[in-house]
């Protein structure tokens, strides 16, 4: 584990402690948005609309 990764994880844990359930809900929404973008990108390339 690099020191930068450890620092990022500590900041994430601190944010989760400070903001509680709101931070968890926000992270879940961001993860869901990322999945939607990835799926739409995959289907776009399968249809031949990409590049």
PDB file of N, CA and C in Angstrom:
ATOM      1  N   UNK A   1       0.848  -1.179   0.000  1.00  0.00           N
ATOM      2  CA  UNK A   1       0.000   0.000   0.000  1.00  0.00           C
ATOM      3  C   UNK A   1       0.895   1.245   0.000  1.00  0.00           C
ATOM      4  N   UNK A   2       0.633   2.141  -0.922  1.00  0.00           N
ATOM      5  CA  UNK A   2       1.450   3.351  -0.981  1.00  0.00           C
ATOM      6  C   UNK A   2       0.962   4.356   0.063  1.00  0.00           C
ATOM      7  N   UNK A   3       1.825   5.301   0.369  1.00  0.00           N
ATOM      8  CA  UNK A   3       1.445   6.309   1.368  1.00  0.00           C
ATOM      9  C   UNK A   3       0.325   7.202   0.851  1.00  0.00           C
ATOM     10  N   UNK A   4       0.290   7.423  -0.469  1.00  0.00           N
ATOM     11  CA  UNK A   4      -0.792   8.246  -1.022  1.00  0.00           C
ATOM     12  C   UNK A   4      -2.132   7.524  -0.894  1.00  0.00           C
ATOM     13  N   UNK A   5      -2.144   6.214  -1.138  1.00  0.00           N
ATOM     14  CA  UNK A   5      -3.377   5.435  -0.986  1.00  0.00           C
ATOM     15  C   UNK A   5      -3.840   5.443   0.464  1.00  0.00           C
ATOM     16  N   UNK A   6      -2.903   5.300   1.389  1.00  0.00           N
ATOM     17  CA  UNK A   6      -3.246   5.341   2.809  1.00  0.00           C
ATOM     18  C   UNK A   6      -3.843   6.698   3.169  1.00  0.00           C
ATOM     19  N   UNK A   7      -3.250   7.762   2.653  1.00  0.00           N
ATOM     20  CA  UNK A   7      -3.784   9.100   2.914  1.00  0.00           C
ATOM     21  C   UNK A   7      -5.182   9.279   2.361  1.00  0.00           C
ATOM     22  N   UNK A   8      -5.405   8.778   1.135  1.00  0.00           N
ATOM     23  CA  UNK A   8      -6.737   8.870   0.532  1.00  0.00           C
ATOM     24  C   UNK A   8      -7.773   8.092   1.340  1.00  0.00           C
ATOM     25  N   UNK A   9      -7.385   6.910   1.807  1.00  0.00           N
ATOM     26  CA  UNK A   9      -8.304   6.114   2.618  1.00  0.00           C
ATOM     27  C   UNK A   9      -8.621   6.793   3.949  1.00  0.00           C
ATOM     28  N   UNK A  10      -7.614   7.414   4.561  1.00  0.00           N
ATOM     29  CA  UNK A  10      -7.849   8.116   5.819  1.00  0.00           C
ATOM     30  C   UNK A  10      -8.800   9.296   5.624  1.00  0.00           C
ATOM     31  N   UNK A  11      -8.634  10.028   4.526  1.00  0.00           N
ATOM     32  CA  UNK A  11      -9.534  11.146   4.242  1.00  0.00           C
ATOM     33  C   UNK A  11     -10.952  10.624   4.018  1.00  0.00           C
ATOM     34  N   UNK A  12     -11.076   9.506   3.310  1.00  0.00           N
ATOM     35  CA  UNK A  12     -12.392   8.911   3.068  1.00  0.00           C
ATOM     36  C   UNK A  12     -13.053   8.482   4.371  1.00  0.00           C
ATOM     37  N   UNK A  13     -12.290   7.859   5.253  1.00  0.00           N
ATOM     38  CA  UNK A  13     -12.831   7.432   6.552  1.00  0.00           C
ATOM     39  C   UNK A  13     -13.242   8.648   7.378  1.00  0.00           C
ATOM     40  N   UNK A  14     -12.420   9.673   7.369  1.00  0.00           N
ATOM     41  CA  UNK A  14     -12.739  10.893   8.114  1.00  0.00           C
ATOM     42  C   UNK A  14     -14.009  11.543   7.577  1.00  0.00           C
ATOM     43  N   UNK A  15     -14.138  11.602   6.252  1.00  0.00           N
ATOM     44  CA  UNK A  15     -15.349  12.179   5.649  1.00  0.00           C
ATOM     45  C   UNK A  15     -16.578  11.358   6.011  1.00  0.00           C
ATOM     46  N   UNK A  16     -16.439  10.034   6.024  1.00  0.00           N
ATOM     47  CA  UNK A  16     -17.563   9.173   6.394  1.00  0.00           C
ATOM     48  C   UNK A  16     -17.965   9.404   7.851  1.00  0.00           C
ATOM     49  N   UNK A  17     -16.973   9.610   8.718  1.00  0.00           N
ATOM     50  CA  UNK A  17     -17.287   9.871  10.133  1.00  0.00           C
ATOM     51  C   UNK A  17     -17.974  11.219  10.306  1.00  0.00           C
ATOM     52  N   UNK A  18     -17.514  12.226   9.565  1.00  0.00           N
ATOM     53  CA  UNK A  18     -18.052  13.576   9.720  1.00  0.00           C
ATOM     54  C   UNK A  18     -19.443  13.682   9.126  1.00  0.00           C
ATOM     55  N   UNK A  19     -19.603  13.174   7.908  1.00  0.00           N
ATOM     56  CA  UNK A  19     -20.869  13.344   7.211  1.00  0.00           C
ATOM     57  C   UNK A  19     -21.824  12.167   7.378  1.00  0.00           C
ATOM     58  N   UNK A  20     -21.349  11.058   7.900  1.00  0.00           N
ATOM     59  CA  UNK A  20     -22.181   9.916   8.219  1.00  0.00           C
ATOM     60  C   UNK A  20     -22.916   9.328   7.027  1.00  0.00           C
ATOM     61  N   UNK A  21     -24.211   9.151   7.210  1.00  0.00           N
ATOM     62  CA  UNK A  21     -25.042   8.484   6.206  1.00  0.00           C
ATOM     63  C   UNK A  21     -25.108   9.281   4.907  1.00  0.00           C
ATOM     64  N   UNK A  22     -24.987  10.601   4.988  1.00  0.00           N
ATOM     65  CA  UNK A  22     -25.031  11.415   3.774  1.00  0.00           C
ATOM     66  C   UNK A  22     -23.868  11.080   2.851  1.00  0.00           C
ATOM     67  N   UNK A  23     -22.686  10.871   3.413  1.00  0.00           N
ATOM     68  CA  UNK A  23     -21.516  10.538   2.604  1.00  0.00           C
ATOM     69  C   UNK A  23     -21.682   9.170   1.957  1.00  0.00           C
ATOM     70  N   UNK A  24     -22.227   8.225   2.699  1.00  0.00           N
ATOM     71  CA  UNK A  24     -22.441   6.883   2.154  1.00  0.00           C
ATOM     72  C   UNK A  24     -23.448   6.934   1.013  1.00  0.00           C
ATOM     73  N   UNK A  25     -24.528   7.681   1.192  1.00  0.00           N
ATOM     74  CA  UNK A  25     -25.534   7.807   0.136  1.00  0.00           C
ATOM     75  C   UNK A  25     -24.939   8.470  -1.101  1.00  0.00           C
ATOM     76  N   UNK A  26     -24.113   9.484  -0.908  1.00  0.00           N
ATOM     77  CA  UNK A  26     -23.479  10.159  -2.036  1.00  0.00           C
ATOM     78  C   UNK A  26     -22.539   9.221  -2.780  1.00  0.00           C
ATOM     79  N   UNK A  27     -21.747   8.431  -2.049  1.00  0.00           N
ATOM     80  CA  UNK A  27     -20.849   7.472  -2.687  1.00  0.00           C
ATOM     81  C   UNK A  27     -21.628   6.429  -3.472  1.00  0.00           C
ATOM     82  N   UNK A  28     -22.755   5.977  -2.935  1.00  0.00           N
ATOM     83  CA  UNK A  28     -23.578   5.008  -3.660  1.00  0.00           C
ATOM     84  C   UNK A  28     -24.129   5.607  -4.947  1.00  0.00           C
ATOM     85  N   UNK A  29     -24.565   6.853  -4.885  1.00  0.00           N
ATOM     86  CA  UNK A  29     -25.082   7.514  -6.091  1.00  0.00           C
ATOM     87  C   UNK A  29     -23.991   7.697  -7.135  1.00  0.00           C
ATOM     88  N   UNK A  30     -22.781   8.067  -6.690  1.00  0.00           N
ATOM     89  CA  UNK A  30     -21.663   8.221  -7.620  1.00  0.00           C
ATOM     90  C   UNK A  30     -21.292   6.887  -8.262  1.00  0.00           C
ATOM     91  N   UNK A  31     -21.306   5.822  -7.483  1.00  0.00           N
ATOM     92  CA  UNK A  31     -20.998   4.499  -8.028  1.00  0.00           C
ATOM     93  C   UNK A  31     -22.058   4.078  -9.042  1.00  0.00           C
ATOM     94  N   UNK A  32     -23.324   4.324  -8.726  1.00  0.00           N
ATOM     95  CA  UNK A  32     -24.400   3.976  -9.654  1.00  0.00           C
ATOM     96  C   UNK A  32     -24.290   4.776 -10.948  1.00  0.00           C
ATOM     97  N   UNK A  33     -23.946   6.041 -10.842  1.00  0.00           N
ATOM     98  CA  UNK A  33     -23.786   6.871 -12.038  1.00  0.00           C
ATOM     99  C   UNK A  33     -22.630   6.345 -12.888  1.00  0.00           C
ATOM    100  N   UNK A  34     -21.561   5.934 -12.258  1.00  0.00           N
ATOM    101  CA  UNK A  34     -20.433   5.373 -12.996  1.00  0.00           C
ATOM    102  C   UNK A  34     -20.802   4.099 -13.725  1.00  0.00           C
ATOM    103  N   UNK A  35     -21.596   3.270 -13.081  1.00  0.00           N
ATOM    104  CA  UNK A  35     -22.043   2.029 -13.722  1.00  0.00           C
ATOM    105  C   UNK A  35     -22.930   2.347 -14.917  1.00  0.00           C
ATOM    106  N   UNK A  36     -23.843   3.306 -14.756  1.00  0.00           N
ATOM    107  CA  UNK A  36     -24.721   3.673 -15.873  1.00  0.00           C
ATOM    108  C   UNK A  36     -23.921   4.200 -17.055  1.00  0.00           C
ATOM    109  N   UNK A  37     -22.916   5.014 -16.791  1.00  0.00           N
ATOM    110  CA  UNK A  37     -22.081   5.545 -17.870  1.00  0.00           C
ATOM    111  C   UNK A  37     -21.338   4.408 -18.556  1.00  0.00           C
ATOM    112  N   UNK A  38     -20.800   3.492 -17.790  1.00  0.00           N
ATOM    113  CA  UNK A  38     -20.075   2.364 -18.373  1.00  0.00           C
ATOM    114  C   UNK A  38     -20.960   1.481 -19.225  1.00  0.00           C
ATOM    115  N   UNK A  39     -22.159   1.202 -18.746  1.00  0.00           N
ATOM    116  CA  UNK A  39     -23.089   0.353 -19.501  1.00  0.00           C
ATOM    117  C   UNK A  39     -23.516   1.049 -20.786  1.00  0.00           C
ATOM    118  N   UNK A  40     -23.811   2.338 -20.718  1.00  0.00           N
ATOM    119  CA  UNK A  40     -24.226   3.045 -21.931  1.00  0.00           C
ATOM    120  C   UNK A  40     -23.079   3.116 -22.936  1.00  0.00           C
ATOM    121  N   UNK A  41     -21.847   3.231 -22.432  1.00  0.00           N
ATOM    122  CA  UNK A  41     -20.682   3.249 -23.322  1.00  0.00           C
ATOM    123  C   UNK A  41     -20.521   1.894 -24.005  1.00  0.00           C
ATOM    124  N   UNK A  42     -20.720   0.819 -23.261  1.00  0.00           N
ATOM    125  CA  UNK A  42     -20.600  -0.518 -23.844  1.00  0.00           C
ATOM    126  C   UNK A  42     -21.670  -0.745 -24.901  1.00  0.00           C
ATOM    127  N   UNK A  43     -22.901  -0.377 -24.614  1.00  0.00           N
ATOM    128  CA  UNK A  43     -23.977  -0.610 -25.586  1.00  0.00           C
ATOM    129  C   UNK A  43     -23.802   0.281 -26.811  1.00  0.00           C
ATOM    130  N   UNK A  44     -23.249   1.474 -26.629  1.00  0.00           N
ATOM    131  CA  UNK A  44     -23.004   2.354 -27.766  1.00  0.00           C
ATOM    132  C   UNK A  44     -21.997   1.726 -28.725  1.00  0.00           C
ATOM    133  N   UNK A  45     -20.954   1.124 -28.172  1.00  0.00           N
ATOM    134  CA  UNK A  45     -19.947   0.495 -29.017  1.00  0.00           C
ATOM    135  C   UNK A  45     -20.484  -0.767 -29.672  1.00  0.00           C
ATOM    136  N   UNK A  46     -21.369  -1.499 -28.998  1.00  0.00           N
ATOM    137  CA  UNK A  46     -21.946  -2.705 -29.591  1.00  0.00           C
ATOM    138  C   UNK A  46     -22.839  -2.347 -30.778  1.00  0.00           C
ATOM    139  N   UNK A  47     -23.524  -1.212 -30.715  1.00  0.00           N
ATOM    140  CA  UNK A  47     -24.395  -0.781 -31.814  1.00  0.00           C
ATOM    141  C   UNK A  47     -23.591  -0.226 -32.973  1.00  0.00           C
ATOM    142  N   UNK A  48     -22.343   0.118 -32.742  1.00  0.00           N
ATOM    143  CA  UNK A  48     -21.526   0.672 -33.802  1.00  0.00           C
ATOM    144  C   UNK A  48     -21.557   2.191 -33.855  1.00  0.00           C
ATOM    145  N   UNK A  49     -22.112   2.832 -32.836  1.00  0.00           N
ATOM    146  CA  UNK A  49     -22.168   4.288 -32.794  1.00  0.00           C
ATOM    147  C   UNK A  49     -20.875   4.904 -32.293  1.00  0.00           C
ATOM    148  N   UNK A  50     -20.009   4.099 -31.710  1.00  0.00           N
ATOM    149  CA  UNK A  50     -18.784   4.638 -31.137  1.00  0.00           C
ATOM    150  C   UNK A  50     -17.758   4.978 -32.190  1.00  0.00           C
ATOM    151  N   UNK A  51     -17.007   5.996 -31.939  1.00  0.00           N
ATOM    152  CA  UNK A  51     -15.913   6.495 -32.773  1.00  0.00           C
ATOM    153  C   UNK A  51     -16.249   6.397 -34.213  1.00  0.00           C
TER     154      UNK A  51
END
